């Protein structure tokens, strides 16, 4: 499974390079295309509870950075 993240930065918030650093430290990898970052899970299947927990971690990490994000796991 992979979790994809789209980021929308705000000129009044953290810089794109700061956001990138935060997400890379969480295990995301930068990517090109429809998504900005991707996280590869070690398991084939991840529970809903784990996905929500991970989304909460992303939310906490980006808090006060004034960015919007969209998250999708496939």
N, C-alpha and C. Protein backbone atom coordinates (compact mmCIF):
# COMPACT_ATOMS: atom_id res chain seq x y z
N UNK A 1 0.84 -1.18 0.00
CA UNK A 1 0.00 0.00 0.00
C UNK A 1 0.88 1.24 0.00
N UNK A 2 0.33 2.29 -0.55
CA UNK A 2 1.03 3.58 -0.56
C UNK A 2 0.06 4.69 -0.18
N UNK A 3 0.58 5.67 0.54
CA UNK A 3 -0.19 6.84 0.90
C UNK A 3 0.37 8.02 0.13
N UNK A 4 -0.51 8.70 -0.58
CA UNK A 4 -0.13 9.84 -1.42
C UNK A 4 -0.59 11.14 -0.77
N UNK A 5 0.22 12.16 -0.93
CA UNK A 5 -0.06 13.45 -0.30
C UNK A 5 0.07 14.57 -1.32
N UNK A 6 -0.93 15.42 -1.37
CA UNK A 6 -0.88 16.66 -2.16
C UNK A 6 -0.81 17.81 -1.17
N UNK A 7 0.05 18.77 -1.47
CA UNK A 7 0.25 19.92 -0.58
C UNK A 7 -0.10 21.20 -1.32
N UNK A 8 -0.80 22.08 -0.64
CA UNK A 8 -1.08 23.42 -1.17
C UNK A 8 -0.47 24.40 -0.18
N UNK A 9 0.60 25.07 -0.61
CA UNK A 9 1.29 26.00 0.29
C UNK A 9 0.64 27.37 0.26
N UNK A 10 0.91 28.13 1.31
CA UNK A 10 0.37 29.47 1.48
C UNK A 10 1.56 30.41 1.61
N UNK A 11 1.52 31.53 0.94
CA UNK A 11 2.64 32.47 1.00
C UNK A 11 2.84 33.05 2.40
N UNK A 12 1.86 32.90 3.28
CA UNK A 12 1.97 33.39 4.65
C UNK A 12 2.44 32.30 5.62
N UNK A 13 2.71 31.12 5.10
CA UNK A 13 3.08 30.00 5.97
C UNK A 13 4.52 29.55 5.74
N UNK A 14 4.77 28.31 6.12
CA UNK A 14 6.09 27.71 5.98
C UNK A 14 6.48 27.59 4.51
N UNK A 15 7.76 27.63 4.25
CA UNK A 15 8.26 27.53 2.88
C UNK A 15 8.14 26.08 2.38
N UNK A 16 8.08 25.91 1.08
CA UNK A 16 8.02 24.54 0.53
C UNK A 16 9.19 23.67 1.00
N UNK A 17 10.38 24.25 1.13
CA UNK A 17 11.53 23.45 1.57
C UNK A 17 11.36 23.01 3.03
N UNK A 18 10.74 23.83 3.87
CA UNK A 18 10.48 23.44 5.26
C UNK A 18 9.47 22.29 5.31
N UNK A 19 8.43 22.39 4.49
CA UNK A 19 7.41 21.35 4.42
C UNK A 19 8.04 20.04 3.94
N UNK A 20 8.88 20.15 2.93
CA UNK A 20 9.55 18.96 2.40
C UNK A 20 10.38 18.29 3.48
N UNK A 21 11.12 19.06 4.25
CA UNK A 21 11.95 18.51 5.34
C UNK A 21 11.10 17.77 6.36
N UNK A 22 10.00 18.36 6.76
CA UNK A 22 9.10 17.73 7.74
C UNK A 22 8.63 16.38 7.22
N UNK A 23 8.17 16.37 5.97
CA UNK A 23 7.60 15.14 5.42
C UNK A 23 8.65 14.08 5.15
N UNK A 24 9.83 14.48 4.70
CA UNK A 24 10.90 13.50 4.49
C UNK A 24 11.30 12.86 5.81
N UNK A 25 11.31 13.64 6.88
CA UNK A 25 11.62 13.09 8.21
C UNK A 25 10.56 12.11 8.70
N UNK A 26 9.36 12.19 8.15
CA UNK A 26 8.29 11.26 8.51
C UNK A 26 8.35 9.98 7.67
N UNK A 27 9.22 9.95 6.68
CA UNK A 27 9.33 8.76 5.83
C UNK A 27 8.73 8.91 4.45
N UNK A 28 8.17 10.07 4.15
CA UNK A 28 7.65 10.31 2.80
C UNK A 28 8.81 10.49 1.83
N UNK A 29 8.53 10.26 0.56
CA UNK A 29 9.48 10.56 -0.51
C UNK A 29 8.82 11.56 -1.45
N UNK A 30 9.60 12.52 -1.92
CA UNK A 30 9.08 13.49 -2.88
C UNK A 30 8.85 12.78 -4.20
N UNK A 31 7.82 13.20 -4.92
CA UNK A 31 7.49 12.58 -6.19
C UNK A 31 7.00 13.64 -7.17
N UNK A 32 6.89 13.26 -8.41
CA UNK A 32 6.37 14.16 -9.45
C UNK A 32 5.03 13.62 -9.94
N UNK A 33 4.23 14.49 -10.51
CA UNK A 33 2.96 14.05 -11.07
C UNK A 33 1.79 14.61 -10.30
N UNK A 34 0.76 13.77 -10.13
CA UNK A 34 -0.47 14.21 -9.47
C UNK A 34 -0.30 14.43 -7.97
N UNK A 35 0.74 13.84 -7.39
CA UNK A 35 0.97 13.94 -5.95
C UNK A 35 2.34 14.54 -5.70
N UNK A 36 2.51 15.11 -4.52
CA UNK A 36 3.78 15.73 -4.16
C UNK A 36 4.68 14.78 -3.37
N UNK A 37 4.06 13.92 -2.56
CA UNK A 37 4.82 13.01 -1.71
C UNK A 37 4.13 11.65 -1.66
N UNK A 38 4.93 10.62 -1.41
CA UNK A 38 4.38 9.27 -1.29
C UNK A 38 5.05 8.56 -0.11
N UNK A 39 4.24 7.78 0.61
CA UNK A 39 4.74 6.99 1.74
C UNK A 39 4.45 5.53 1.43
N UNK A 40 5.48 4.71 1.42
CA UNK A 40 5.31 3.28 1.15
C UNK A 40 5.20 2.49 2.44
N UNK A 41 4.08 1.79 2.62
CA UNK A 41 3.87 0.96 3.80
C UNK A 41 4.63 -0.35 3.61
N UNK A 42 5.09 -0.94 4.72
CA UNK A 42 5.79 -2.21 4.67
C UNK A 42 4.83 -3.39 4.49
N UNK A 43 3.59 -3.19 4.86
CA UNK A 43 2.59 -4.26 4.76
C UNK A 43 1.75 -4.09 3.50
N UNK A 44 1.18 -5.21 3.04
CA UNK A 44 0.27 -5.17 1.89
C UNK A 44 -1.06 -4.53 2.26
N UNK A 45 -1.48 -4.73 3.50
CA UNK A 45 -2.77 -4.22 3.96
C UNK A 45 -2.58 -3.50 5.29
N UNK A 46 -3.16 -2.33 5.40
CA UNK A 46 -3.07 -1.52 6.61
C UNK A 46 -4.50 -1.25 7.09
N UNK A 47 -4.71 -1.33 8.39
CA UNK A 47 -6.07 -1.14 8.92
C UNK A 47 -6.49 0.33 8.84
N UNK A 48 -7.78 0.53 8.89
CA UNK A 48 -8.35 1.88 8.89
C UNK A 48 -7.81 2.66 10.09
N UNK A 49 -7.71 2.00 11.25
CA UNK A 49 -7.21 2.66 12.45
C UNK A 49 -5.78 3.17 12.24
N UNK A 50 -4.93 2.36 11.59
CA UNK A 50 -3.55 2.77 11.31
C UNK A 50 -3.51 3.95 10.34
N UNK A 51 -4.38 3.92 9.35
CA UNK A 51 -4.42 5.01 8.37
C UNK A 51 -4.86 6.32 9.01
N UNK A 52 -5.86 6.25 9.88
CA UNK A 52 -6.32 7.46 10.57
C UNK A 52 -5.24 7.97 11.52
N UNK A 53 -4.57 7.05 12.23
CA UNK A 53 -3.47 7.42 13.11
C UNK A 53 -2.37 8.13 12.32
N UNK A 54 -2.05 7.60 11.13
CA UNK A 54 -1.00 8.20 10.30
C UNK A 54 -1.43 9.58 9.79
N UNK A 55 -2.69 9.70 9.38
CA UNK A 55 -3.21 11.00 8.94
C UNK A 55 -3.16 12.02 10.08
N UNK A 56 -3.44 11.57 11.30
CA UNK A 56 -3.31 12.45 12.47
C UNK A 56 -1.88 12.90 12.66
N UNK A 57 -0.92 12.00 12.44
CA UNK A 57 0.50 12.35 12.56
C UNK A 57 0.89 13.41 11.53
N UNK A 58 0.41 13.24 10.30
CA UNK A 58 0.69 14.22 9.25
C UNK A 58 0.09 15.57 9.65
N UNK A 59 -1.14 15.54 10.11
CA UNK A 59 -1.83 16.75 10.54
C UNK A 59 -1.04 17.46 11.64
N UNK A 60 -0.60 16.72 12.63
CA UNK A 60 0.17 17.31 13.74
C UNK A 60 1.50 17.88 13.25
N UNK A 61 2.15 17.17 12.35
CA UNK A 61 3.45 17.63 11.84
C UNK A 61 3.33 18.92 11.04
N UNK A 62 2.20 19.08 10.35
CA UNK A 62 2.01 20.27 9.50
C UNK A 62 1.24 21.39 10.19
N UNK A 63 0.83 21.14 11.42
CA UNK A 63 0.07 22.14 12.17
C UNK A 63 0.86 23.45 12.26
N UNK A 64 0.19 24.55 12.12
CA UNK A 64 0.77 25.90 12.18
C UNK A 64 1.66 26.24 10.99
N UNK A 65 1.75 25.37 10.00
CA UNK A 65 2.55 25.68 8.81
C UNK A 65 1.73 26.39 7.74
N UNK A 66 0.42 26.47 7.97
CA UNK A 66 -0.52 27.13 7.06
C UNK A 66 -0.52 26.51 5.67
N UNK A 67 -0.48 25.17 5.63
CA UNK A 67 -0.62 24.46 4.36
C UNK A 67 -1.90 23.63 4.42
N UNK A 68 -2.44 23.37 3.25
CA UNK A 68 -3.56 22.44 3.12
C UNK A 68 -2.98 21.16 2.54
N UNK A 69 -3.54 20.03 2.97
CA UNK A 69 -3.08 18.79 2.38
C UNK A 69 -4.25 17.86 2.09
N UNK A 70 -4.04 17.02 1.10
CA UNK A 70 -4.98 15.99 0.74
C UNK A 70 -4.23 14.67 0.83
N UNK A 71 -4.85 13.67 1.44
CA UNK A 71 -4.18 12.39 1.66
C UNK A 71 -5.04 11.27 1.07
N UNK A 72 -4.37 10.33 0.40
CA UNK A 72 -5.08 9.20 -0.22
C UNK A 72 -4.20 7.96 -0.11
N UNK A 73 -4.78 6.87 0.34
CA UNK A 73 -4.04 5.61 0.44
C UNK A 73 -4.66 4.60 -0.50
N UNK A 74 -3.78 3.99 -1.30
CA UNK A 74 -4.23 2.98 -2.28
C UNK A 74 -3.44 1.71 -2.03
